[in-house]
C-alpha atoms as a PDB file:
ATOM      1  CA  MET A   1      21.017  19.041  21.866  1.00  0.00           C
ATOM      2  CA  ASN A   2      18.322  16.634  22.721  1.00  0.00           C
ATOM      3  CA  LYS A   3      18.466  13.565  24.964  1.00  0.00           C
ATOM      4  CA  ARG A   4      18.316  11.433  21.747  1.00  0.00           C
ATOM      5  CA  TYR A   5      21.768  12.768  20.620  1.00  0.00           C
ATOM      6  CA  ILE A   6      23.327  12.921  24.402  1.00  0.00           C
ATOM      7  CA  ILE A   7      22.382   9.343  24.704  1.00  0.00           C
ATOM      8  CA  LEU A   8      24.136   8.267  21.153  1.00  0.00           C
ATOM      9  CA  LEU A   9      27.152  10.659  21.842  1.00  0.00           C
ATOM     10  CA  LEU A  10      27.815   9.117  25.266  1.00  0.00           C
ATOM     11  CA  VAL A  11      27.583   5.369  23.793  1.00  0.00           C
ATOM     12  CA  ILE A  12      28.688   5.669  20.275  1.00  0.00           C
ATOM     13  CA  PRO A  13      32.468   5.106  20.839  1.00  0.00           C
ATOM     14  CA  ALA A  14      31.690   1.953  22.751  1.00  0.00           C
ATOM     15  CA  VAL A  15      29.416   0.681  20.211  1.00  0.00           C
ATOM     16  CA  ILE A  16      31.667   1.310  17.306  1.00  0.00           C
ATOM     17  CA  ALA A  17      34.218  -0.572  18.673  1.00  0.00           C
ATOM     18  CA  ALA A  18      31.978  -3.799  19.479  1.00  0.00           C
ATOM     19  CA  CYS A  19      30.381  -3.229  15.902  1.00  0.00           C
ATOM     20  CA  GLY A  20      34.011  -4.202  14.894  1.00  0.00           C
ATOM     21  CA  GLY A  21      34.130  -7.768  16.228  1.00  0.00           C
ATOM     22  CA  ALA A  22      32.135 -10.761  16.297  1.00  0.00           C
ATOM     23  CA  PRO A  23      28.019 -10.683  16.453  1.00  0.00           C
ATOM     24  CA  SER A  24      27.039  -9.517  19.876  1.00  0.00           C
ATOM     25  CA  ALA A  25      24.285 -11.207  21.995  1.00  0.00           C
ATOM     26  CA  GLN A  26      20.884 -10.089  21.996  1.00  0.00           C
ATOM     27  CA  PRO A  27      20.345  -6.998  24.212  1.00  0.00           C
ATOM     28  CA  ALA A  28      18.443  -7.602  27.163  1.00  0.00           C
ATOM     29  CA  PRO A  29      14.785  -5.951  27.352  1.00  0.00           C
ATOM     30  CA  GLY A  30      14.791  -2.670  29.392  1.00  0.00           C
ATOM     31  CA  GLN A  31      12.256  -2.061  32.106  1.00  0.00           C
ATOM     32  CA  PRO A  32       8.342  -1.687  30.811  1.00  0.00           C
ATOM     33  CA  SER A  33       7.658   1.189  29.327  1.00  0.00           C
ATOM     34  CA  THR A  34       4.188   3.080  29.440  1.00  0.00           C
ATOM     35  CA  MET A  35       3.103   1.351  26.401  1.00  0.00           C
ATOM     36  CA  ALA A  36      -0.203  -0.392  26.631  1.00  0.00           C
ATOM     37  CA  THR A  37       0.296  -4.297  26.358  1.00  0.00           C
ATOM     38  CA  ALA A  38      -3.313  -5.272  27.033  1.00  0.00           C
ATOM     39  CA  GLY A  39      -3.566  -7.306  23.879  1.00  0.00           C
ATOM     40  CA  PRO A  40      -1.243  -9.039  21.322  1.00  0.00           C
ATOM     41  CA  ALA A  41       0.540  -6.904  18.791  1.00  0.00           C
ATOM     42  CA  VAL A  42      -1.620  -7.901  15.960  1.00  0.00           C
ATOM     43  CA  THR A  43      -4.159  -5.936  17.382  1.00  0.00           C
ATOM     44  CA  PRO A  44      -2.976  -2.465  18.422  1.00  0.00           C
ATOM     45  CA  VAL A  45      -5.466   0.067  19.599  1.00  0.00           C
ATOM     46  CA  SER A  46      -5.317   3.643  18.827  1.00  0.00           C
ATOM     47  CA  THR A  47      -4.510   4.747  22.192  1.00  0.00           C
ATOM     48  CA  THR A  48      -1.010   2.690  22.241  1.00  0.00           C
ATOM     49  CA  THR A  49       1.601   5.046  23.474  1.00  0.00           C
ATOM     50  CA  MET A  50       5.355   4.821  23.061  1.00  0.00           C
ATOM     51  CA  PRO A  51       8.344   6.766  25.276  1.00  0.00           C
ATOM     52  CA  THR A  52      10.335   9.498  23.484  1.00  0.00           C
ATOM     53  CA  ILE A  53       8.667   9.484  20.121  1.00  0.00           C
ATOM     54  CA  SER A  54      10.947  11.683  17.931  1.00  0.00           C
ATOM     55  CA  ALA A  55      10.035  13.622  14.985  1.00  0.00           C
ATOM     56  CA  PRO A  56      11.707  13.193  11.763  1.00  0.00           C
ATOM     57  CA  ALA A  57      15.204  14.943  11.715  1.00  0.00           C
ATOM     58  CA  SER A  58      16.507  14.163   8.247  1.00  0.00           C
ATOM     59  CA  ALA A  59      18.173  16.974   6.392  1.00  0.00           C
ATOM     60  CA  SER A  60      16.791  15.458   3.085  1.00  0.00           C
ATOM     61  CA  ASP A  61      13.249  14.171   2.455  1.00  0.00           C
ATOM     62  CA  SER A  62      13.527  10.777   1.299  1.00  0.00           C
ATOM     63  CA  THR A  63       9.854  10.635   0.656  1.00  0.00           C
ATOM     64  CA  THR A  64      10.320  12.522  -2.565  1.00  0.00           C
ATOM     65  CA  LEU A  65      13.177  10.496  -3.883  1.00  0.00           C
ATOM     66  CA  GLU A  66      12.768   7.462  -6.435  1.00  0.00           C
ATOM     67  CA  ARG A  67      12.475   4.112  -4.599  1.00  0.00           C
ATOM     68  CA  GLY A  68      12.082   0.445  -5.454  1.00  0.00           C
ATOM     69  CA  ARG A  69      13.751  -2.949  -5.226  1.00  0.00           C
ATOM     70  CA  THR A  70      16.642  -4.451  -7.181  1.00  0.00           C
ATOM     71  CA  PRO A  71      16.165  -7.845  -9.109  1.00  0.00           C
ATOM     72  CA  GLU A  72      17.335  -9.581  -5.744  1.00  0.00           C
ATOM     73  CA  GLY A  73      14.367  -8.064  -3.893  1.00  0.00           C
ATOM     74  CA  TYR A  74      16.821  -5.590  -1.988  1.00  0.00           C
ATOM     75  CA  HIS A  75      15.063  -2.065  -1.174  1.00  0.00           C
ATOM     76  CA  TYR A  76      17.045   1.075  -2.861  1.00  0.00           C
ATOM     77  CA  LEU A  77      16.644   4.699  -2.542  1.00  0.00           C
ATOM     78  CA  GLY A  78      17.628   6.931  -5.431  1.00  0.00           C
ATOM     79  CA  LYS A  79      17.524   6.620  -9.329  1.00  0.00           C
ATOM     80  CA  ALA A  80      17.558   2.767 -10.326  1.00  0.00           C
ATOM     81  CA  ASP A  81      20.272   3.857 -13.105  1.00  0.00           C
ATOM     82  CA  ALA A  82      22.275   5.690 -10.550  1.00  0.00           C
ATOM     83  CA  PRO A  83      25.972   5.063 -11.506  1.00  0.00           C
ATOM     84  CA  VAL A  84      27.157   4.436  -8.154  1.00  0.00           C
ATOM     85  CA  THR A  85      25.537   1.909  -5.583  1.00  0.00           C
ATOM     86  CA  ILE A  86      26.132   2.666  -1.993  1.00  0.00           C
ATOM     87  CA  LEU A  87      25.291  -1.370  -0.593  1.00  0.00           C
ATOM     88  CA  GLU A  88      24.642  -0.911   2.938  1.00  0.00           C
ATOM     89  CA  PHE A  89      24.566  -3.660   5.457  1.00  0.00           C
ATOM     90  CA  SER A  90      22.925  -2.661   8.626  1.00  0.00           C
ATOM     91  CA  ASP A  91      21.344  -3.911  11.864  1.00  0.00           C
ATOM     92  CA  PHE A  92      17.996  -2.055  13.289  1.00  0.00           C
ATOM     93  CA  LEU A  93      19.063  -2.446  16.666  1.00  0.00           C
ATOM     94  CA  CYS A  94      22.798  -1.585  15.987  1.00  0.00           C
ATOM     95  CA  THR A  95      23.497   1.960  17.848  1.00  0.00           C
ATOM     96  CA  ALA A  96      26.197   2.772  15.286  1.00  0.00           C
ATOM     97  CA  CYS A  97      23.862   2.058  12.469  1.00  0.00           C
ATOM     98  CA  ALA A  98      21.169   4.676  14.031  1.00  0.00           C
ATOM     99  CA  PHE A  99      24.027   7.056  14.200  1.00  0.00           C
ATOM    100  CA  HIS A 100      24.870   6.701  10.404  1.00  0.00           C
ATOM    101  CA  VAL A 101      21.097   7.047   9.409  1.00  0.00           C
ATOM    102  CA  GLU A 102      20.612  10.304  11.536  1.00  0.00           C
ATOM    103  CA  GLU A 103      23.785  11.986  11.319  1.00  0.00           C
ATOM    104  CA  THR A 104      25.818  11.278   8.267  1.00  0.00           C
ATOM    105  CA  GLU A 105      23.254   9.716   5.666  1.00  0.00           C
ATOM    106  CA  PRO A 106      21.484  13.016   5.243  1.00  0.00           C
ATOM    107  CA  ALA A 107      24.386  14.349   3.915  1.00  0.00           C
ATOM    108  CA  ILE A 108      25.130  11.634   1.741  1.00  0.00           C
ATOM    109  CA  ILE A 109      21.212  11.895   0.173  1.00  0.00           C
ATOM    110  CA  GLU A 110      21.548  15.755  -0.349  1.00  0.00           C
ATOM    111  CA  ALA A 111      24.964  15.488  -2.315  1.00  0.00           C
ATOM    112  CA  TYR A 112      24.627  12.365  -4.310  1.00  0.00           C
ATOM    113  CA  VAL A 113      21.275  10.585  -3.911  1.00  0.00           C
ATOM    114  CA  ALA A 114      18.957  13.462  -4.457  1.00  0.00           C
ATOM    115  CA  THR A 115      21.368  14.609  -7.494  1.00  0.00           C
ATOM    116  CA  GLY A 116      21.198  11.361  -9.189  1.00  0.00           C
ATOM    117  CA  LYS A 117      24.791  10.417  -8.738  1.00  0.00           C
ATOM    118  CA  ALA A 118      23.983   7.354  -6.320  1.00  0.00           C
ATOM    119  CA  ARG A 119      21.662   5.303  -4.747  1.00  0.00           C
ATOM    120  CA  ILE A 120      21.245   3.452  -1.415  1.00  0.00           C
ATOM    121  CA  VAL A 121      20.430  -0.367  -1.359  1.00  0.00           C
ATOM    122  CA  TYR A 122      19.542  -1.715   2.019  1.00  0.00           C
ATOM    123  CA  ARG A 123      20.468  -5.104   3.056  1.00  0.00           C
ATOM    124  CA  HIS A 124      19.776  -6.839   6.516  1.00  0.00           C
ATOM    125  CA  LEU A 125      22.022  -7.758   9.157  1.00  0.00           C
ATOM    126  CA  LEU A 126      20.485  -9.827  12.409  1.00  0.00           C
ATOM    127  CA  GLN A 127      23.555  -9.775  14.647  1.00  0.00           C
ATOM    128  CA  LEU A 128      21.572  -8.682  17.523  1.00  0.00           C
ATOM    129  CA  GLY A 129      19.155 -11.496  17.734  1.00  0.00           C
ATOM    130  CA  GLU A 130      15.241 -11.919  17.616  1.00  0.00           C
ATOM    131  CA  GLU A 131      14.458  -8.452  18.085  1.00  0.00           C
ATOM    132  CA  SER A 132      16.565  -7.233  15.216  1.00  0.00           C
ATOM    133  CA  LEU A 133      14.699 -10.006  12.902  1.00  0.00           C
ATOM    134  CA  ARG A 134      11.211  -8.537  14.107  1.00  0.00           C
ATOM    135  CA  ALA A 135      12.417  -4.889  13.239  1.00  0.00           C
ATOM    136  CA  ALA A 136      13.602  -6.026   9.649  1.00  0.00           C
ATOM    137  CA  GLU A 137      10.054  -7.677   9.349  1.00  0.00           C
ATOM    138  CA  ALA A 138       8.305  -4.725  10.288  1.00  0.00           C
ATOM    139  CA  ALA A 139      10.203  -2.454   7.667  1.00  0.00           C
ATOM    140  CA  GLU A 140       9.709  -5.023   4.988  1.00  0.00           C
ATOM    141  CA  CYS A 141       5.795  -5.169   6.054  1.00  0.00           C
ATOM    142  CA  ALA A 142       5.924  -1.104   5.712  1.00  0.00           C
ATOM    143  CA  GLY A 143       7.761  -1.734   2.235  1.00  0.00           C
ATOM    144  CA  ASP A 144       4.733  -3.722   1.163  1.00  0.00           C
ATOM    145  CA  GLN A 145       2.713  -0.516   1.496  1.00  0.00           C
ATOM    146  CA  GLY A 146       5.577   1.655  -0.287  1.00  0.00           C
ATOM    147  CA  LYS A 147       6.870   3.020   2.933  1.00  0.00           C
ATOM    148  CA  PHE A 148      10.090   0.683   3.369  1.00  0.00           C
ATOM    149  CA  TRP A 149      12.450   3.727   4.001  1.00  0.00           C
ATOM    150  CA  GLU A 150       9.817   5.587   6.321  1.00  0.00           C
ATOM    151  CA  MET A 151       9.592   2.864   8.706  1.00  0.00           C
ATOM    152  CA  ARG A 152      13.339   2.404   8.500  1.00  0.00           C
ATOM    153  CA  ASP A 153      14.271   5.938   9.545  1.00  0.00           C
ATOM    154  CA  ALA A 154      11.359   5.700  12.305  1.00  0.00           C
ATOM    155  CA  ILE A 155      12.791   2.455  13.683  1.00  0.00           C
ATOM    156  CA  TYR A 156      16.451   4.087  13.744  1.00  0.00           C
ATOM    157  CA  ARG A 157      15.177   7.486  14.964  1.00  0.00           C
ATOM    158  CA  ASN A 158      13.396   5.623  18.103  1.00  0.00           C
ATOM    159  CA  GLN A 159      15.926   2.944  18.756  1.00  0.00           C
ATOM    160  CA  VAL A 160      16.223   3.983  22.263  1.00  0.00           C
ATOM    161  CA  SER A 161      12.689   3.542  22.876  1.00  0.00           C
ATOM    162  CA  LEU A 162      12.830   0.033  21.260  1.00  0.00           C
ATOM    163  CA  TYR A 163      15.488  -1.016  23.729  1.00  0.00           C
ATOM    164  CA  THR A 164      13.867   0.102  26.829  1.00  0.00           C
ATOM    165  CA  THR A 165      10.119  -0.848  25.982  1.00  0.00           C
ATOM    166  CA  GLY A 166       8.587  -4.012  27.133  1.00  0.00           C
ATOM    167  CA  ASP A 167       6.974  -4.704  24.141  1.00  0.00           C
ATOM    168  CA  VAL A 168       8.924  -4.358  20.767  1.00  0.00           C
ATOM    169  CA  GLY A 169       6.013  -5.791  18.604  1.00  0.00           C
ATOM    170  CA  ALA A 170       3.797  -2.983  20.363  1.00  0.00           C
ATOM    171  CA  ALA A 171       6.343  -0.483  19.934  1.00  0.00           C
ATOM    172  CA  LEU A 172       6.846  -1.182  16.182  1.00  0.00           C
ATOM    173  CA  ALA A 173       3.356  -1.326  15.750  1.00  0.00           C
ATOM    174  CA  TYR A 174       3.124   2.034  17.169  1.00  0.00           C
ATOM    175  CA  LEU A 175       5.866   3.394  14.713  1.00  0.00           C
ATOM    176  CA  ALA A 176       3.584   2.079  12.049  1.00  0.00           C
ATOM    177  CA  GLN A 177       0.918   4.038  13.060  1.00  0.00           C
ATOM    178  CA  THR A 178       2.880   7.271  12.744  1.00  0.00           C
ATOM    179  CA  ILE A 179       3.719   6.577   9.429  1.00  0.00           C
ATOM    180  CA  ASP A 180       0.162   6.270   8.242  1.00  0.00           C
ATOM    181  CA  LEU A 181       0.383   2.673   7.489  1.00  0.00           C
ATOM    182  CA  ASP A 182      -2.752   0.445   7.135  1.00  0.00           C
ATOM    183  CA  LEU A 183      -2.433  -1.324  10.286  1.00  0.00           C
ATOM    184  CA  THR A 184      -4.930  -4.333   9.386  1.00  0.00           C
ATOM    185  CA  GLU A 185      -2.688  -5.162   6.557  1.00  0.00           C
ATOM    186  CA  TYR A 186       0.676  -4.373   8.590  1.00  0.00           C
ATOM    187  CA  ASN A 187      -0.636  -6.742  11.094  1.00  0.00           C
ATOM    188  CA  VAL A 188      -1.618  -9.555   8.938  1.00  0.00           C
ATOM    189  CA  CYS A 189       1.825  -9.346   7.181  1.00  0.00           C
ATOM    190  CA  VAL A 190       3.667  -9.146  10.672  1.00  0.00           C
ATOM    191  CA  GLN A 191       1.834 -12.210  12.232  1.00  0.00           C
ATOM    192  CA  SER A 192       2.180 -14.149   9.081  1.00  0.00           C
ATOM    193  CA  ARG A 193       5.997 -13.790   9.226  1.00  0.00           C
ATOM    194  CA  LYS A 194       5.907 -13.647   5.213  1.00  0.00           C
ATOM    195  CA  HIS A 195       9.263 -11.698   4.773  1.00  0.00           C
ATOM    196  CA  ARG A 196      11.120 -13.975   7.499  1.00  0.00           C
ATOM    197  CA  ALA A 197      12.818 -16.557   5.621  1.00  0.00           C
ATOM    198  CA  ARG A 198      13.990 -14.081   2.692  1.00  0.00           C
ATOM    199  CA  ILE A 199      15.724 -11.546   5.418  1.00  0.00           C
ATOM    200  CA  GLU A 200      17.286 -14.444   7.165  1.00  0.00           C
ATOM    201  CA  ALA A 201      18.547 -15.552   3.734  1.00  0.00           C
ATOM    202  CA  ASP A 202      19.732 -11.950   3.016  1.00  0.00           C
ATOM    203  CA  PHE A 203      21.693 -12.107   6.336  1.00  0.00           C
ATOM    204  CA  ARG A 204      23.246 -15.439   5.474  1.00  0.00           C
ATOM    205  CA  ALA A 205      24.337 -13.882   1.826  1.00  0.00           C
ATOM    206  CA  ALA A 206      25.736 -10.787   4.077  1.00  0.00           C
ATOM    207  CA  GLN A 207      28.023 -13.357   6.110  1.00  0.00           C
ATOM    208  CA  ASP A 208      29.020 -15.256   2.924  1.00  0.00           C
ATOM    209  CA  ALA A 209      30.156 -11.839   1.437  1.00  0.00           C
ATOM    210  CA  GLY A 210      32.624 -11.763   4.474  1.00  0.00           C
ATOM    211  CA  VAL A 211      30.249  -8.879   6.696  1.00  0.00           C
ATOM    212  CA  ARG A 212      31.268  -9.368  10.398  1.00  0.00           C
ATOM    213  CA  SER A 213      30.773  -5.952  11.491  1.00  0.00           C
ATOM    214  CA  ARG A 214      27.791  -3.297  11.417  1.00  0.00           C
ATOM    215  CA  PRO A 215      27.253  -0.970   9.582  1.00  0.00           C
ATOM    216  CA  VAL A 216      29.141  -2.114   6.573  1.00  0.00           C
ATOM    217  CA  PHE A 217      29.178   0.021   3.091  1.00  0.00           C
ATOM    218  CA  ASP A 218      30.420  -1.480  -0.227  1.00  0.00           C
ATOM    219  CA  ILE A 219      30.955   1.330  -2.977  1.00  0.00           C
ATOM    220  CA  ALA A 220      32.629   0.759  -6.168  1.00  0.00           C
ATOM    221  CA  GLY A 221      34.758  -1.993  -5.040  1.00  0.00           C
ATOM    222  CA  GLU A 222      35.814  -0.373  -1.566  1.00  0.00           C
ATOM    223  CA  ARG A 223      34.618  -1.280   1.711  1.00  0.00           C
ATOM    224  CA  LEU A 224      33.662   1.509   4.681  1.00  0.00           C
ATOM    225  CA  VAL A 225      33.162  -0.230   8.158  1.00  0.00           C
ATOM    226  CA  GLY A 226      31.608   1.272  11.198  1.00  0.00           C
ATOM    227  CA  ALA A 227      29.957   4.717  11.460  1.00  0.00           C
ATOM    228  CA  ARG A 228      32.085   6.974   9.347  1.00  0.00           C
ATOM    229  CA  PRO A 229      31.987  10.651   8.756  1.00  0.00           C
ATOM    230  CA  PHE A 230      30.529  11.935   5.566  1.00  0.00           C
ATOM    231  CA  GLU A 231      34.386  12.788   4.311  1.00  0.00           C
ATOM    232  CA  ASP A 232      35.012   9.131   4.100  1.00  0.00           C
ATOM    233  CA  PHE A 233      32.015   8.553   1.573  1.00  0.00           C
ATOM    234  CA  GLN A 234      32.867  11.863  -0.197  1.00  0.00           C
ATOM    235  CA  ALA A 235      36.212  10.310  -0.827  1.00  0.00           C
ATOM    236  CA  ILE A 236      34.845   7.454  -2.555  1.00  0.00           C
ATOM    237  CA  LEU A 237      32.215   8.856  -4.477  1.00  0.00           C
ATOM    238  CA  GLU A 238      34.132  11.657  -5.854  1.00  0.00           C
ATOM    239  CA  LYS A 239      36.471   9.427  -7.721  1.00  0.00           C
ATOM    240  CA  GLN A 240      33.460   7.765  -9.561  1.00  0.00           C
END
């Protein structure tokens, strides 16, 4: 078991409990990392480094799956006409959300998304402050280049590093490098804040829908709250 999962297993019970209540305050930044911070985030250099970058760990390669946007502009993974939609409300800095993406979602993708039985639609939560918003913007800017899901996975997989770095913007730019984005296009997008208003509107819509915790999953009229085991999703999906 690597250090990433040891950290998650130690903190996940407390985080799941915290995710069930009201939105928490923005996490305090950790000690500065070894990341280069000589320039602004919009002009990262190729030598930028980041602590503990993890390799992809998904059991199912999402890069081969159909993806797109709903009419409302939300990113989906899986067949557009899949009979069941898993509507996921998630915050990029929520540890329980990261646990779901790394531990439970691969099995859901393998059993239901890759087989065409369901699709995942991602909705933004911003319950952990400005850094959550910046991570969401980074993912949306990656989406402009057709790599929303790759950036989403990279952010969740390296969430611990985002918590401990002294420069989240540079850390996100480094992750953009690791998934082979056009960095000039990415940096212009992030700097322009072109997606900020829509992300904030998505969060308000989630609040209006009664979403107070994280993560939350709406599936065929049923709602699951928190990092739940695969069997909980299976019980709902098998009824459809």
